[in-house]
Amino acid sequence: MSAHCMVTGRKPGFGKSVSHSHKRTNRRWNPNVSRKTYYLPSEGRRVTLTVSAKGIKTVDRDGIEAVVARIRASGVKV
């Protein structure tokens, strides 16, 4: 599963880990994403979305119908 939120668009951030000796190595900060299934009443089916913690809150606030419409408008198949 790629660490990319379908609702908010959050994706991994990249940077460096700095040790005590100041040696730098590459690292990556992944967003807190999980696969969550929602029921779409208008279509009578369930959809599975990869959403971050903030994306789940967005779905709760705006409603799944509005969020799916926004995702489809951006060109992603749901």
PDB file of N, CA and C in Angstrom:
ATOM      1  N   MET A   1       0.848  -1.172   0.000  1.00  0.00           N
ATOM      2  CA  MET A   1       0.000   0.000   0.000  1.00  0.00           C
ATOM      3  C   MET A   1       0.892   1.233   0.000  1.00  0.00           C
ATOM      4  N   SER A   2       0.681   2.115  -0.945  1.00  0.00           N
ATOM      5  CA  SER A   2       1.466   3.338  -0.952  1.00  0.00           C
ATOM      6  C   SER A   2       0.963   4.276   0.135  1.00  0.00           C
ATOM      7  N   ALA A   3       1.880   5.013   0.714  1.00  0.00           N
ATOM      8  CA  ALA A   3       1.526   5.922   1.800  1.00  0.00           C
ATOM      9  C   ALA A   3       1.032   7.233   1.210  1.00  0.00           C
ATOM     10  N   HIS A   4      -0.191   7.206   0.658  1.00  0.00           N
ATOM     11  CA  HIS A   4      -0.757   8.373  -0.004  1.00  0.00           C
ATOM     12  C   HIS A   4      -2.241   8.426   0.315  1.00  0.00           C
ATOM     13  N   CYS A   5      -2.718   9.545   0.847  1.00  0.00           N
ATOM     14  CA  CYS A   5      -4.123   9.694   1.215  1.00  0.00           C
ATOM     15  C   CYS A   5      -4.934  10.124  -0.002  1.00  0.00           C
ATOM     16  N   MET A   6      -6.041   9.425  -0.266  1.00  0.00           N
ATOM     17  CA  MET A   6      -6.888   9.752  -1.410  1.00  0.00           C
ATOM     18  C   MET A   6      -7.728  11.000  -1.158  1.00  0.00           C
ATOM     19  N   VAL A   7      -7.954  11.359   0.096  1.00  0.00           N
ATOM     20  CA  VAL A   7      -8.823  12.490   0.425  1.00  0.00           C
ATOM     21  C   VAL A   7      -8.021  13.788   0.539  1.00  0.00           C
ATOM     22  N   THR A   8      -6.975  13.777   1.347  1.00  0.00           N
ATOM     23  CA  THR A   8      -6.220  15.006   1.600  1.00  0.00           C
ATOM     24  C   THR A   8      -5.003  15.149   0.715  1.00  0.00           C
ATOM     25  N   GLY A   9      -4.560  14.059   0.075  1.00  0.00           N
ATOM     26  CA  GLY A   9      -3.382  14.122  -0.777  1.00  0.00           C
ATOM     27  C   GLY A   9      -2.070  14.055  -0.027  1.00  0.00           C
ATOM     28  N   ARG A  10      -2.125  13.740   1.263  1.00  0.00           N
ATOM     29  CA  ARG A  10      -0.890  13.653   2.034  1.00  0.00           C
ATOM     30  C   ARG A  10      -0.039  12.500   1.526  1.00  0.00           C
ATOM     31  N   LYS A  11       1.268  12.738   1.451  1.00  0.00           N
ATOM     32  CA  LYS A  11       2.203  11.731   0.977  1.00  0.00           C
ATOM     33  C   LYS A  11       3.475  11.812   1.823  1.00  0.00           C
ATOM     34  N   PRO A  12       4.389  10.873   1.645  1.00  0.00           N
ATOM     35  CA  PRO A  12       5.588  10.875   2.497  1.00  0.00           C
ATOM     36  C   PRO A  12       6.428  12.133   2.340  1.00  0.00           C
ATOM     37  N   GLY A  13       7.034  12.523   3.457  1.00  0.00           N
ATOM     38  CA  GLY A  13       8.010  13.607   3.451  1.00  0.00           C
ATOM     39  C   GLY A  13       9.395  12.998   3.558  1.00  0.00           C
ATOM     40  N   PHE A  14      10.380  13.644   2.958  1.00  0.00           N
ATOM     41  CA  PHE A  14      11.735  13.107   2.943  1.00  0.00           C
ATOM     42  C   PHE A  14      12.682  14.079   3.611  1.00  0.00           C
ATOM     43  N   GLY A  15      13.727  13.525   4.193  1.00  0.00           N
ATOM     44  CA  GLY A  15      14.717  14.358   4.860  1.00  0.00           C
ATOM     45  C   GLY A  15      15.899  13.524   5.290  1.00  0.00           C
ATOM     46  N   LYS A  16      16.591  13.984   6.296  1.00  0.00           N
ATOM     47  CA  LYS A  16      17.797  13.322   6.788  1.00  0.00           C
ATOM     48  C   LYS A  16      17.655  13.023   8.279  1.00  0.00           C
ATOM     49  N   SER A  17      18.157  11.861   8.682  1.00  0.00           N
ATOM     50  CA  SER A  17      18.358  11.563  10.090  1.00  0.00           C
ATOM     51  C   SER A  17      19.761  12.034  10.436  1.00  0.00           C
ATOM     52  N   VAL A  18      19.913  12.705  11.562  1.00  0.00           N
ATOM     53  CA  VAL A  18      21.221  13.199  11.966  1.00  0.00           C
ATOM     54  C   VAL A  18      21.596  12.504  13.267  1.00  0.00           C
ATOM     55  N   SER A  19      22.705  11.748  13.240  1.00  0.00           N
ATOM     56  CA  SER A  19      23.143  10.997  14.412  1.00  0.00           C
ATOM     57  C   SER A  19      23.905  11.903  15.370  1.00  0.00           C
ATOM     58  N   HIS A  20      24.329  11.311  16.483  1.00  0.00           N
ATOM     59  CA  HIS A  20      25.091  12.068  17.472  1.00  0.00           C
ATOM     60  C   HIS A  20      26.414  12.565  16.872  1.00  0.00           C
ATOM     61  N   SER A  21      27.012  11.758  15.986  1.00  0.00           N
ATOM     62  CA  SER A  21      28.270  12.159  15.347  1.00  0.00           C
ATOM     63  C   SER A  21      28.030  13.091  14.158  1.00  0.00           C
ATOM     64  N   HIS A  22      26.780  13.453  13.939  1.00  0.00           N
ATOM     65  CA  HIS A  22      26.338  14.347  12.873  1.00  0.00           C
ATOM     66  C   HIS A  22      26.439  13.705  11.487  1.00  0.00           C
ATOM     67  N   LYS A  23      26.441  12.372  11.450  1.00  0.00           N
ATOM     68  CA  LYS A  23      26.396  11.654  10.180  1.00  0.00           C
ATOM     69  C   LYS A  23      24.949  11.687   9.686  1.00  0.00           C
ATOM     70  N   ARG A  24      24.754  11.983   8.406  1.00  0.00           N
ATOM     71  CA  ARG A  24      23.404  12.146   7.873  1.00  0.00           C
ATOM     72  C   ARG A  24      23.032  10.978   6.978  1.00  0.00           C
ATOM     73  N   THR A  25      21.843  10.433   7.201  1.00  0.00           N
ATOM     74  CA  THR A  25      21.321   9.363   6.363  1.00  0.00           C
ATOM     75  C   THR A  25      19.905   9.721   5.951  1.00  0.00           C
ATOM     76  N   ASN A  26      19.506   9.208   4.800  1.00  0.00           N
ATOM     77  CA  ASN A  26      18.175   9.523   4.289  1.00  0.00           C
ATOM     78  C   ASN A  26      17.107   8.832   5.118  1.00  0.00           C
ATOM     79  N   ARG A  27      15.978   9.482   5.278  1.00  0.00           N
ATOM     80  CA  ARG A  27      14.832   8.880   5.935  1.00  0.00           C
ATOM     81  C   ARG A  27      13.549   9.418   5.335  1.00  0.00           C
ATOM     82  N   ARG A  28      12.449   8.831   5.750  1.00  0.00           N
ATOM     83  CA  ARG A  28      11.157   9.177   5.175  1.00  0.00           C
ATOM     84  C   ARG A  28      10.112   9.189   6.286  1.00  0.00           C
ATOM     85  N   TRP A  29       9.265  10.205   6.291  1.00  0.00           N
ATOM     86  CA  TRP A  29       8.168  10.310   7.246  1.00  0.00           C
ATOM     87  C   TRP A  29       6.884   9.943   6.515  1.00  0.00           C
ATOM     88  N   ASN A  30       6.324   8.793   6.846  1.00  0.00           N
ATOM     89  CA  ASN A  30       5.094   8.349   6.205  1.00  0.00           C
ATOM     90  C   ASN A  30       3.879   8.925   6.928  1.00  0.00           C
ATOM     91  N   PRO A  31       2.841   9.304   6.194  1.00  0.00           N
ATOM     92  CA  PRO A  31       1.611   9.746   6.855  1.00  0.00           C
ATOM     93  C   PRO A  31       0.887   8.552   7.476  1.00  0.00           C
ATOM     94  N   ASN A  32       0.028   8.829   8.408  1.00  0.00           N
ATOM     95  CA  ASN A  32      -0.726   7.790   9.106  1.00  0.00           C
ATOM     96  C   ASN A  32      -1.917   7.387   8.233  1.00  0.00           C
ATOM     97  N   VAL A  33      -1.696   6.462   7.274  1.00  0.00           N
ATOM     98  CA  VAL A  33      -2.751   6.056   6.352  1.00  0.00           C
ATOM     99  C   VAL A  33      -3.226   4.645   6.657  1.00  0.00           C
ATOM    100  N   SER A  34      -4.483   4.396   6.356  1.00  0.00           N
ATOM    101  CA  SER A  34      -5.055   3.063   6.504  1.00  0.00           C
ATOM    102  C   SER A  34      -6.149   2.901   5.453  1.00  0.00           C
ATOM    103  N   ARG A  35      -6.484   1.641   5.172  1.00  0.00           N
ATOM    104  CA  ARG A  35      -7.567   1.357   4.228  1.00  0.00           C
ATOM    105  C   ARG A  35      -8.871   1.297   5.017  1.00  0.00           C
ATOM    106  N   LYS A  36      -9.860   2.054   4.567  1.00  0.00           N
ATOM    107  CA  LYS A  36     -11.138   2.115   5.270  1.00  0.00           C
ATOM    108  C   LYS A  36     -12.259   1.943   4.254  1.00  0.00           C
ATOM    109  N   THR A  37     -13.260   1.154   4.619  1.00  0.00           N
ATOM    110  CA  THR A  37     -14.390   0.888   3.735  1.00  0.00           C
ATOM    111  C   THR A  37     -15.578   1.727   4.173  1.00  0.00           C
ATOM    112  N   TYR A  38     -16.178   2.412   3.220  1.00  0.00           N
ATOM    113  CA  TYR A  38     -17.360   3.238   3.459  1.00  0.00           C
ATOM    114  C   TYR A  38     -18.502   2.737   2.592  1.00  0.00           C
ATOM    115  N   TYR A  39     -19.726   2.927   3.051  1.00  0.00           N
ATOM    116  CA  TYR A  39     -20.912   2.551   2.287  1.00  0.00           C
ATOM    117  C   TYR A  39     -21.449   3.785   1.576  1.00  0.00           C
ATOM    118  N   LEU A  40     -21.646   3.662   0.256  1.00  0.00           N
ATOM    119  CA  LEU A  40     -22.223   4.745  -0.548  1.00  0.00           C
ATOM    120  C   LEU A  40     -23.701   4.453  -0.757  1.00  0.00           C
ATOM    121  N   PRO A  41     -24.596   5.130  -0.060  1.00  0.00           N
ATOM    122  CA  PRO A  41     -26.029   4.839  -0.199  1.00  0.00           C
ATOM    123  C   PRO A  41     -26.565   5.133  -1.587  1.00  0.00           C
ATOM    124  N   SER A  42     -26.036   6.151  -2.270  1.00  0.00           N
ATOM    125  CA  SER A  42     -26.559   6.510  -3.581  1.00  0.00           C
ATOM    126  C   SER A  42     -26.298   5.419  -4.622  1.00  0.00           C
ATOM    127  N   GLU A  43     -25.208   4.651  -4.451  1.00  0.00           N
ATOM    128  CA  GLU A  43     -24.879   3.588  -5.392  1.00  0.00           C
ATOM    129  C   GLU A  43     -25.181   2.205  -4.830  1.00  0.00           C
ATOM    130  N   GLY A  44     -25.513   2.141  -3.557  1.00  0.00           N
ATOM    131  CA  GLY A  44     -25.837   0.861  -2.929  1.00  0.00           C
ATOM    132  C   GLY A  44     -24.658  -0.088  -2.859  1.00  0.00           C
ATOM    133  N   ARG A  45     -23.451   0.449  -2.705  1.00  0.00           N
ATOM    134  CA  ARG A  45     -22.263  -0.399  -2.633  1.00  0.00           C
ATOM    135  C   ARG A  45     -21.241   0.213  -1.679  1.00  0.00           C
ATOM    136  N   ARG A  46     -20.200  -0.566  -1.397  1.00  0.00           N
ATOM    137  CA  ARG A  46     -19.136  -0.100  -0.534  1.00  0.00           C
ATOM    138  C   ARG A  46     -17.929   0.298  -1.369  1.00  0.00           C
ATOM    139  N   VAL A  47     -17.186   1.296  -0.903  1.00  0.00           N
ATOM    140  CA  VAL A  47     -15.941   1.706  -1.543  1.00  0.00           C
ATOM    141  C   VAL A  47     -14.836   1.664  -0.489  1.00  0.00           C
ATOM    142  N   THR A  48     -13.661   1.241  -0.913  1.00  0.00           N
ATOM    143  CA  THR A  48     -12.510   1.188  -0.020  1.00  0.00           C
ATOM    144  C   THR A  48     -11.563   2.307  -0.399  1.00  0.00           C
ATOM    145  N   LEU A  49     -11.237   3.146   0.576  1.00  0.00           N
ATOM    146  CA  LEU A  49     -10.355   4.286   0.349  1.00  0.00           C
ATOM    147  C   LEU A  49      -9.108   4.149   1.210  1.00  0.00           C
ATOM    148  N   THR A  50      -7.988   4.636   0.708  1.00  0.00           N
ATOM    149  CA  THR A  50      -6.770   4.757   1.503  1.00  0.00           C
ATOM    150  C   THR A  50      -6.762   6.180   2.046  1.00  0.00           C
ATOM    151  N   VAL A  51      -6.991   6.313   3.347  1.00  0.00           N
ATOM    152  CA  VAL A  51      -7.154   7.642   3.943  1.00  0.00           C
ATOM    153  C   VAL A  51      -6.242   7.804   5.147  1.00  0.00           C
ATOM    154  N   SER A  52      -5.822   9.039   5.371  1.00  0.00           N
ATOM    155  CA  SER A  52      -5.036   9.369   6.552  1.00  0.00           C
ATOM    156  C   SER A  52      -5.983   9.654   7.713  1.00  0.00           C
ATOM    157  N   ALA A  53      -5.410   9.868   8.886  1.00  0.00           N
ATOM    158  CA  ALA A  53      -6.225  10.177  10.064  1.00  0.00           C
ATOM    159  C   ALA A  53      -7.021  11.467   9.837  1.00  0.00           C
ATOM    160  N   LYS A  54      -6.391  12.456   9.213  1.00  0.00           N
ATOM    161  CA  LYS A  54      -7.103  13.707   8.914  1.00  0.00           C
ATOM    162  C   LYS A  54      -8.154  13.479   7.834  1.00  0.00           C
ATOM    163  N   GLY A  55      -7.886  12.557   6.891  1.00  0.00           N
ATOM    164  CA  GLY A  55      -8.860  12.231   5.848  1.00  0.00           C
ATOM    165  C   GLY A  55     -10.117  11.610   6.427  1.00  0.00           C
ATOM    166  N   ILE A  56      -9.966  10.779   7.455  1.00  0.00           N
ATOM    167  CA  ILE A  56     -11.127  10.172   8.119  1.00  0.00           C
ATOM    168  C   ILE A  56     -11.983  11.257   8.759  1.00  0.00           C
ATOM    169  N   LYS A  57     -11.327  12.232   9.382  1.00  0.00           N
ATOM    170  CA  LYS A  57     -12.064  13.344   9.992  1.00  0.00           C
ATOM    171  C   LYS A  57     -12.771  14.180   8.926  1.00  0.00           C
ATOM    172  N   THR A  58     -12.148  14.331   7.764  1.00  0.00           N
ATOM    173  CA  THR A  58     -12.755  15.079   6.661  1.00  0.00           C
ATOM    174  C   THR A  58     -14.004  14.369   6.157  1.00  0.00           C
ATOM    175  N   VAL A  59     -13.940  13.036   6.039  1.00  0.00           N
ATOM    176  CA  VAL A  59     -15.109  12.262   5.609  1.00  0.00           C
ATOM    177  C   VAL A  59     -16.219  12.394   6.638  1.00  0.00           C
ATOM    178  N   ASP A  60     -15.881  12.350   7.917  1.00  0.00           N
ATOM    179  CA  ASP A  60     -16.893  12.498   8.966  1.00  0.00           C
ATOM    180  C   ASP A  60     -17.552  13.873   8.909  1.00  0.00           C
ATOM    181  N   ARG A  61     -16.766  14.901   8.590  1.00  0.00           N
ATOM    182  CA  ARG A  61     -17.287  16.269   8.567  1.00  0.00           C
ATOM    183  C   ARG A  61     -18.124  16.548   7.320  1.00  0.00           C
ATOM    184  N   ASP A  62     -17.594  16.180   6.134  1.00  0.00           N
ATOM    185  CA  ASP A  62     -18.241  16.536   4.872  1.00  0.00           C
ATOM    186  C   ASP A  62     -19.220  15.489   4.362  1.00  0.00           C
ATOM    187  N   GLY A  63     -19.057  14.242   4.766  1.00  0.00           N
ATOM    188  CA  GLY A  63     -19.901  13.162   4.269  1.00  0.00           C
ATOM    189  C   GLY A  63     -19.210  12.415   3.148  1.00  0.00           C
ATOM    190  N   ILE A  64     -19.474  11.121   3.067  1.00  0.00           N
ATOM    191  CA  ILE A  64     -18.788  10.273   2.095  1.00  0.00           C
ATOM    192  C   ILE A  64     -19.189  10.622   0.663  1.00  0.00           C
ATOM    193  N   GLU A  65     -20.441  11.026   0.445  1.00  0.00           N
ATOM    194  CA  GLU A  65     -20.890  11.367  -0.914  1.00  0.00           C
ATOM    195  C   GLU A  65     -20.098  12.548  -1.472  1.00  0.00           C
ATOM    196  N   ALA A  66     -19.923  13.596  -0.683  1.00  0.00           N
ATOM    197  CA  ALA A  66     -19.196  14.779  -1.134  1.00  0.00           C
ATOM    198  C   ALA A  66     -17.720  14.469  -1.360  1.00  0.00           C
ATOM    199  N   VAL A  67     -17.150  13.642  -0.492  1.00  0.00           N
ATOM    200  CA  VAL A  67     -15.731  13.307  -0.616  1.00  0.00           C
ATOM    201  C   VAL A  67     -15.485  12.465  -1.861  1.00  0.00           C
ATOM    202  N   VAL A  68     -16.349  11.477  -2.125  1.00  0.00           N
ATOM    203  CA  VAL A  68     -16.192  10.638  -3.309  1.00  0.00           C
ATOM    204  C   VAL A  68     -16.381  11.473  -4.577  1.00  0.00           C
ATOM    205  N   ALA A  69     -17.312  12.414  -4.557  1.00  0.00           N
ATOM    206  CA  ALA A  69     -17.505  13.291  -5.716  1.00  0.00           C
ATOM    207  C   ALA A  69     -16.255  14.127  -5.967  1.00  0.00           C
ATOM    208  N   ARG A  70     -15.619  14.614  -4.905  1.00  0.00           N
ATOM    209  CA  ARG A  70     -14.394  15.401  -5.033  1.00  0.00           C
ATOM    210  C   ARG A  70     -13.238  14.552  -5.574  1.00  0.00           C
ATOM    211  N   ILE A  71     -13.154  13.290  -5.110  1.00  0.00           N
ATOM    212  CA  ILE A  71     -12.103  12.388  -5.588  1.00  0.00           C
ATOM    213  C   ILE A  71     -12.301  12.092  -7.072  1.00  0.00           C
ATOM    214  N   ARG A  72     -13.543  11.834  -7.461  1.00  0.00           N
ATOM    215  CA  ARG A  72     -13.821  11.545  -8.864  1.00  0.00           C
ATOM    216  C   ARG A  72     -13.582  12.754  -9.759  1.00  0.00           C
ATOM    217  N   ALA A  73     -13.844  13.948  -9.245  1.00  0.00           N
ATOM    218  CA  ALA A  73     -13.614  15.157 -10.026  1.00  0.00           C
ATOM    219  C   ALA A  73     -12.125  15.364 -10.308  1.00  0.00           C
ATOM    220  N   SER A  74     -11.285  14.849  -9.416  1.00  0.00           N
ATOM    221  CA  SER A  74      -9.842  14.973  -9.634  1.00  0.00           C
ATOM    222  C   SER A  74      -9.305  13.926 -10.597  1.00  0.00           C
ATOM    223  N   GLY A  75     -10.172  12.991 -11.027  1.00  0.00           N
ATOM    224  CA  GLY A  75      -9.782  12.029 -12.051  1.00  0.00           C
ATOM    225  C   GLY A  75      -9.416  10.651 -11.542  1.00  0.00           C
ATOM    226  N   VAL A  76      -9.631  10.374 -10.255  1.00  0.00           N
ATOM    227  CA  VAL A  76      -9.302   9.068  -9.682  1.00  0.00           C
ATOM    228  C   VAL A  76     -10.544   8.188  -9.717  1.00  0.00           C
ATOM    229  N   LYS A  77     -10.384   6.949 -10.169  1.00  0.00           N
ATOM    230  CA  LYS A  77     -11.519   6.015 -10.230  1.00  0.00           C
ATOM    231  C   LYS A  77     -11.777   5.458  -8.839  1.00  0.00           C
ATOM    232  N   VAL A  78     -13.035   5.531  -8.393  1.00  0.00           N
ATOM    233  CA  VAL A  78     -13.431   4.993  -7.086  1.00  0.00           C
ATOM    234  C   VAL A  78     -14.490   3.941  -7.310  1.00  0.00           C
TER     235      VAL A  78
END
